[in-house]
Amino acid sequence: MRTDRRRFWISLILLVLPLIVSLSARANADGKYRWDIVHISSFNPVTAFPGGFASALANDGSKITVTGHGTFEPEDPDEVTGGGTWTTFAPDGTTLTGSGTYRVLQLIRFTVAPGVQTQGLIDNIPGAIGDLTDERSGLMLVRIAYSDGSKGVLVVSCHLNGGPDFVTRPASPPSIFEGITASKGYVDYWNRVPPIGAPTPVDGNRTLFHIVSQD
């Protein structure tokens, strides 16, 4: 009898667990999101606008720099918009090897991460509600098509810095990077160029996710 009961509960758990995991994932990511590579117009106070740039390096030091923004719905990979510009450089960092535009084809996946934005940021991204509660940390992968006919994957990662009280406003885990990586054809620009912060901040290599509507 005890063995039968054990089998019953094991069967029930195996039946219900996938449903719980599925519902949890949907609750975590349902809705419509906007992603941006942001421009910081001022660091005192920090003021964010659309229209920034971010870069990543390939194995030989060659570089891709992209701009861009768009929208996506995690529950529907084909509900995507957006794109931007791309420029590639030789390993010397200055010799131009290509440029053009790209467009987003499909969402591969998006995962929301823990963390909140630093209090005091002035957020001028369209759709932001102004009090930073719609900002999200996370990782997005999208398939993209370049204007020269090549294709690739764009990875956008957003780390929110939290604070000034890190108990009530925790930062994202340090395992989450800020910036982008990208592939283009057979080249993987896997090594993101990090943003420059203190002591002398420099614009570039910063990203944001906003949830603009929620189911």
Protein backbone atom coordinates (compact mmCIF):
# COMPACT_ATOMS: atom_id res chain seq x y z
CA MET A 1 0.00 0.00 0.00
CA ARG A 2 2.80 2.41 0.91
CA THR A 3 4.51 1.67 -2.43
CA ASP A 4 1.28 2.44 -4.31
CA ARG A 5 0.93 5.76 -2.52
CA ARG A 6 4.51 6.67 -3.34
CA ARG A 7 3.96 5.85 -7.00
CA PHE A 8 0.80 7.95 -7.03
CA TRP A 9 2.55 11.04 -5.62
CA ILE A 10 5.54 10.63 -7.91
CA SER A 11 3.22 10.36 -10.92
CA LEU A 12 1.27 13.43 -9.78
CA ILE A 13 4.44 15.48 -9.31
CA LEU A 14 5.75 14.47 -12.74
CA LEU A 15 2.42 15.45 -14.26
CA VAL A 16 2.05 18.83 -12.52
CA LEU A 17 5.68 20.02 -12.43
CA PRO A 18 5.99 20.86 -16.15
CA LEU A 19 2.79 22.92 -15.91
CA ILE A 20 4.12 24.84 -12.89
CA VAL A 21 7.44 25.52 -14.66
CA SER A 22 5.62 26.65 -17.80
CA LEU A 23 3.32 29.01 -15.89
CA SER A 24 6.24 30.40 -13.92
CA ALA A 25 8.22 31.11 -17.08
CA ARG A 26 5.25 32.85 -18.70
CA ALA A 27 4.63 34.95 -15.59
CA ASN A 28 8.28 35.95 -15.68
CA ALA A 29 8.33 37.08 -19.29
CA ASP A 30 4.80 37.62 -20.64
CA GLY A 31 4.06 40.98 -22.18
CA LYS A 32 5.71 43.29 -24.67
CA TYR A 33 9.24 44.58 -24.18
CA ARG A 34 11.39 47.26 -25.74
CA TRP A 35 15.17 46.92 -26.02
CA ASP A 36 17.59 49.78 -26.60
CA ILE A 37 21.25 50.43 -27.08
CA VAL A 38 21.21 53.70 -25.17
CA HIS A 39 22.93 57.04 -25.42
CA ILE A 40 23.93 58.69 -22.13
CA SER A 41 23.72 62.44 -22.69
CA SER A 42 24.86 63.34 -19.18
CA PHE A 43 26.44 61.57 -16.23
CA ASN A 44 25.41 64.18 -13.66
CA PRO A 45 22.67 63.12 -13.34
CA VAL A 46 22.81 60.05 -15.56
CA THR A 47 20.37 60.68 -18.42
CA ALA A 48 19.46 57.97 -20.94
CA PHE A 49 18.11 58.44 -24.47
CA PRO A 50 17.73 56.09 -27.47
CA GLY A 51 20.40 56.23 -30.16
CA GLY A 52 23.52 54.89 -28.50
CA PHE A 53 26.14 52.46 -29.79
CA ALA A 54 27.81 49.29 -28.53
CA SER A 55 30.71 47.20 -29.76
CA ALA A 56 32.19 43.71 -29.55
CA LEU A 57 35.44 42.11 -30.70
CA ALA A 58 36.17 38.97 -32.71
CA ASN A 59 38.99 36.54 -32.00
CA ASP A 60 41.55 38.59 -33.97
CA GLY A 61 40.52 41.90 -32.43
CA SER A 62 38.35 43.01 -35.35
CA LYS A 63 35.30 44.92 -34.18
CA ILE A 64 31.61 45.38 -34.86
CA THR A 65 29.73 48.45 -33.64
CA VAL A 66 25.95 48.52 -33.74
CA THR A 67 23.12 50.87 -32.91
CA GLY A 68 19.53 49.81 -32.52
CA HIS A 69 16.29 49.31 -30.70
CA GLY A 70 13.12 47.26 -31.14
CA THR A 71 10.30 45.40 -29.47
CA PHE A 72 9.52 41.74 -28.82
CA GLU A 73 7.02 39.48 -27.11
CA PRO A 74 8.67 36.52 -25.32
CA GLU A 75 5.64 34.26 -25.83
CA ASP A 76 5.64 34.83 -29.62
CA PRO A 77 9.11 34.71 -31.24
CA ASP A 78 7.84 36.20 -34.51
CA GLU A 79 6.31 39.29 -32.87
CA VAL A 80 9.44 41.42 -33.25
CA THR A 81 10.30 44.83 -34.63
CA GLY A 82 13.44 46.86 -34.91
CA GLY A 83 16.97 46.97 -36.10
CA GLY A 84 19.73 49.50 -36.48
CA THR A 85 23.08 50.14 -38.12
CA TRP A 86 26.29 48.13 -38.17
CA THR A 87 29.92 48.98 -38.87
CA THR A 88 32.87 46.60 -38.88
CA PHE A 89 36.54 47.41 -38.41
CA ALA A 90 39.85 45.61 -38.98
CA PRO A 91 41.93 44.52 -35.96
CA ASP A 92 43.64 47.93 -35.89
CA GLY A 93 40.29 49.35 -34.75
CA THR A 94 40.19 52.14 -37.34
CA THR A 95 40.19 50.59 -40.83
CA LEU A 96 36.57 50.33 -41.99
CA THR A 97 35.68 46.94 -43.49
CA GLY A 98 31.90 47.28 -43.92
CA SER A 99 28.78 49.14 -42.89
CA GLY A 100 25.05 49.16 -43.39
CA THR A 101 21.80 48.41 -41.60
CA TYR A 102 20.30 45.30 -40.03
CA ARG A 103 16.79 44.21 -39.14
CA VAL A 104 15.50 41.82 -36.50
CA LEU A 105 13.97 38.60 -37.88
CA GLN A 106 13.01 36.57 -34.84
CA LEU A 107 13.41 36.30 -31.09
CA ILE A 108 15.48 33.30 -30.04
CA ARG A 109 14.89 33.79 -26.33
CA PHE A 110 14.64 36.38 -23.58
CA THR A 111 15.25 35.78 -19.89
CA VAL A 112 14.48 38.36 -17.22
CA ALA A 113 17.20 38.70 -14.57
CA PRO A 114 17.16 40.09 -11.01
CA GLY A 115 18.18 43.65 -10.25
CA VAL A 116 16.80 47.19 -10.31
CA GLN A 117 18.05 50.45 -11.77
CA THR A 118 20.09 52.98 -9.85
CA GLN A 119 17.79 55.51 -8.22
CA GLY A 120 18.14 58.92 -9.83
CA LEU A 121 18.59 57.84 -13.45
CA ILE A 122 16.63 60.08 -15.81
CA ASP A 123 15.04 57.72 -18.33
CA ASN A 124 14.00 59.29 -21.64
CA ILE A 125 13.33 56.07 -23.54
CA PRO A 126 9.90 56.26 -25.25
CA GLY A 127 7.36 54.23 -23.30
CA ALA A 128 9.17 54.58 -19.97
CA ILE A 129 6.86 55.65 -17.15
CA GLY A 130 9.50 57.71 -15.40
CA ASP A 131 9.94 55.97 -12.05
CA LEU A 132 12.21 53.17 -13.35
CA THR A 133 9.79 50.37 -12.35
CA ASP A 134 9.37 49.30 -15.99
CA GLU A 135 13.11 48.70 -16.49
CA ARG A 136 14.31 45.10 -16.54
CA SER A 137 17.66 43.38 -16.42
CA GLY A 138 18.02 40.38 -18.70
CA LEU A 139 19.43 38.62 -21.73
CA MET A 140 17.95 38.73 -25.24
CA LEU A 141 19.02 36.80 -28.34
CA VAL A 142 17.55 37.68 -31.75
CA ARG A 143 18.20 36.53 -35.29
CA ILE A 144 19.12 39.43 -37.56
CA ALA A 145 19.65 40.06 -41.27
CA TYR A 146 22.40 42.43 -42.41
CA SER A 147 22.01 44.69 -45.42
CA ASP A 148 24.91 42.99 -47.23
CA GLY A 149 23.04 39.67 -47.26
CA SER A 150 24.71 38.03 -44.29
CA LYS A 151 22.84 36.86 -41.23
CA GLY A 152 23.68 36.46 -37.58
CA VAL A 153 22.59 36.65 -33.97
CA LEU A 154 22.56 39.77 -31.82
CA VAL A 155 22.88 39.29 -28.06
CA VAL A 156 21.79 42.18 -25.84
CA SER A 157 22.56 41.95 -22.13
CA CYS A 158 21.47 44.48 -19.51
CA HIS A 159 22.94 44.76 -16.02
CA LEU A 160 21.12 47.15 -13.66
CA ASN A 161 23.36 48.73 -11.04
CA GLY A 162 20.97 49.13 -8.12
CA GLY A 163 21.60 51.46 -5.19
CA PRO A 164 22.26 53.72 -3.55
CA ASP A 165 20.70 51.49 -0.88
CA PHE A 166 21.66 48.04 -2.18
CA VAL A 167 19.38 46.29 0.32
CA THR A 168 16.18 47.83 -0.99
CA ARG A 169 17.54 48.38 -4.52
CA PRO A 170 19.76 45.37 -5.30
CA ALA A 171 21.96 45.28 -8.37
CA SER A 172 21.91 42.53 -10.98
CA PRO A 173 24.26 39.59 -10.33
CA PRO A 174 27.86 40.27 -11.44
CA SER A 175 27.60 37.32 -13.87
CA ILE A 176 25.39 39.49 -16.09
CA PHE A 177 27.36 41.72 -18.46
CA GLU A 178 26.35 45.10 -19.85
CA GLY A 179 26.56 45.46 -23.62
CA ILE A 180 26.23 43.36 -26.75
CA THR A 181 27.83 40.54 -28.69
CA ALA A 182 27.00 39.59 -32.28
CA SER A 183 27.73 37.12 -35.03
CA LYS A 184 27.86 38.04 -38.71
CA GLY A 185 28.20 35.24 -41.19
CA TYR A 186 31.06 33.04 -40.01
CA VAL A 187 32.54 35.65 -37.64
CA ASP A 188 31.54 35.69 -33.98
CA TYR A 189 32.19 38.99 -32.23
CA TRP A 190 32.07 37.23 -28.89
CA ASN A 191 34.07 39.62 -26.70
CA ARG A 192 31.88 42.55 -25.64
CA VAL A 193 33.42 45.98 -25.17
CA PRO A 194 32.43 47.01 -21.62
CA PRO A 195 31.07 50.44 -20.71
CA ILE A 196 33.49 52.85 -19.09
CA GLY A 197 32.33 54.01 -15.67
CA ALA A 198 34.08 55.73 -12.79
CA PRO A 199 36.18 57.73 -12.38
CA THR A 200 35.53 59.32 -15.80
CA PRO A 201 32.43 57.80 -17.45
CA VAL A 202 32.25 57.61 -21.25
CA ASP A 203 29.13 57.16 -23.38
CA GLY A 204 28.68 53.82 -25.17
CA ASN A 205 28.12 50.09 -24.63
CA ARG A 206 25.02 50.47 -22.47
CA THR A 207 21.64 48.81 -22.88
CA LEU A 208 18.14 48.86 -21.37
CA PHE A 209 15.05 46.68 -21.43
CA HIS A 210 11.62 48.14 -20.67
CA ILE A 211 8.38 46.28 -20.27
CA VAL A 212 5.88 48.41 -22.19
CA SER A 213 2.78 46.27 -21.69
CA GLN A 214 2.03 43.23 -19.56
CA ASP A 215 -0.46 40.38 -19.96
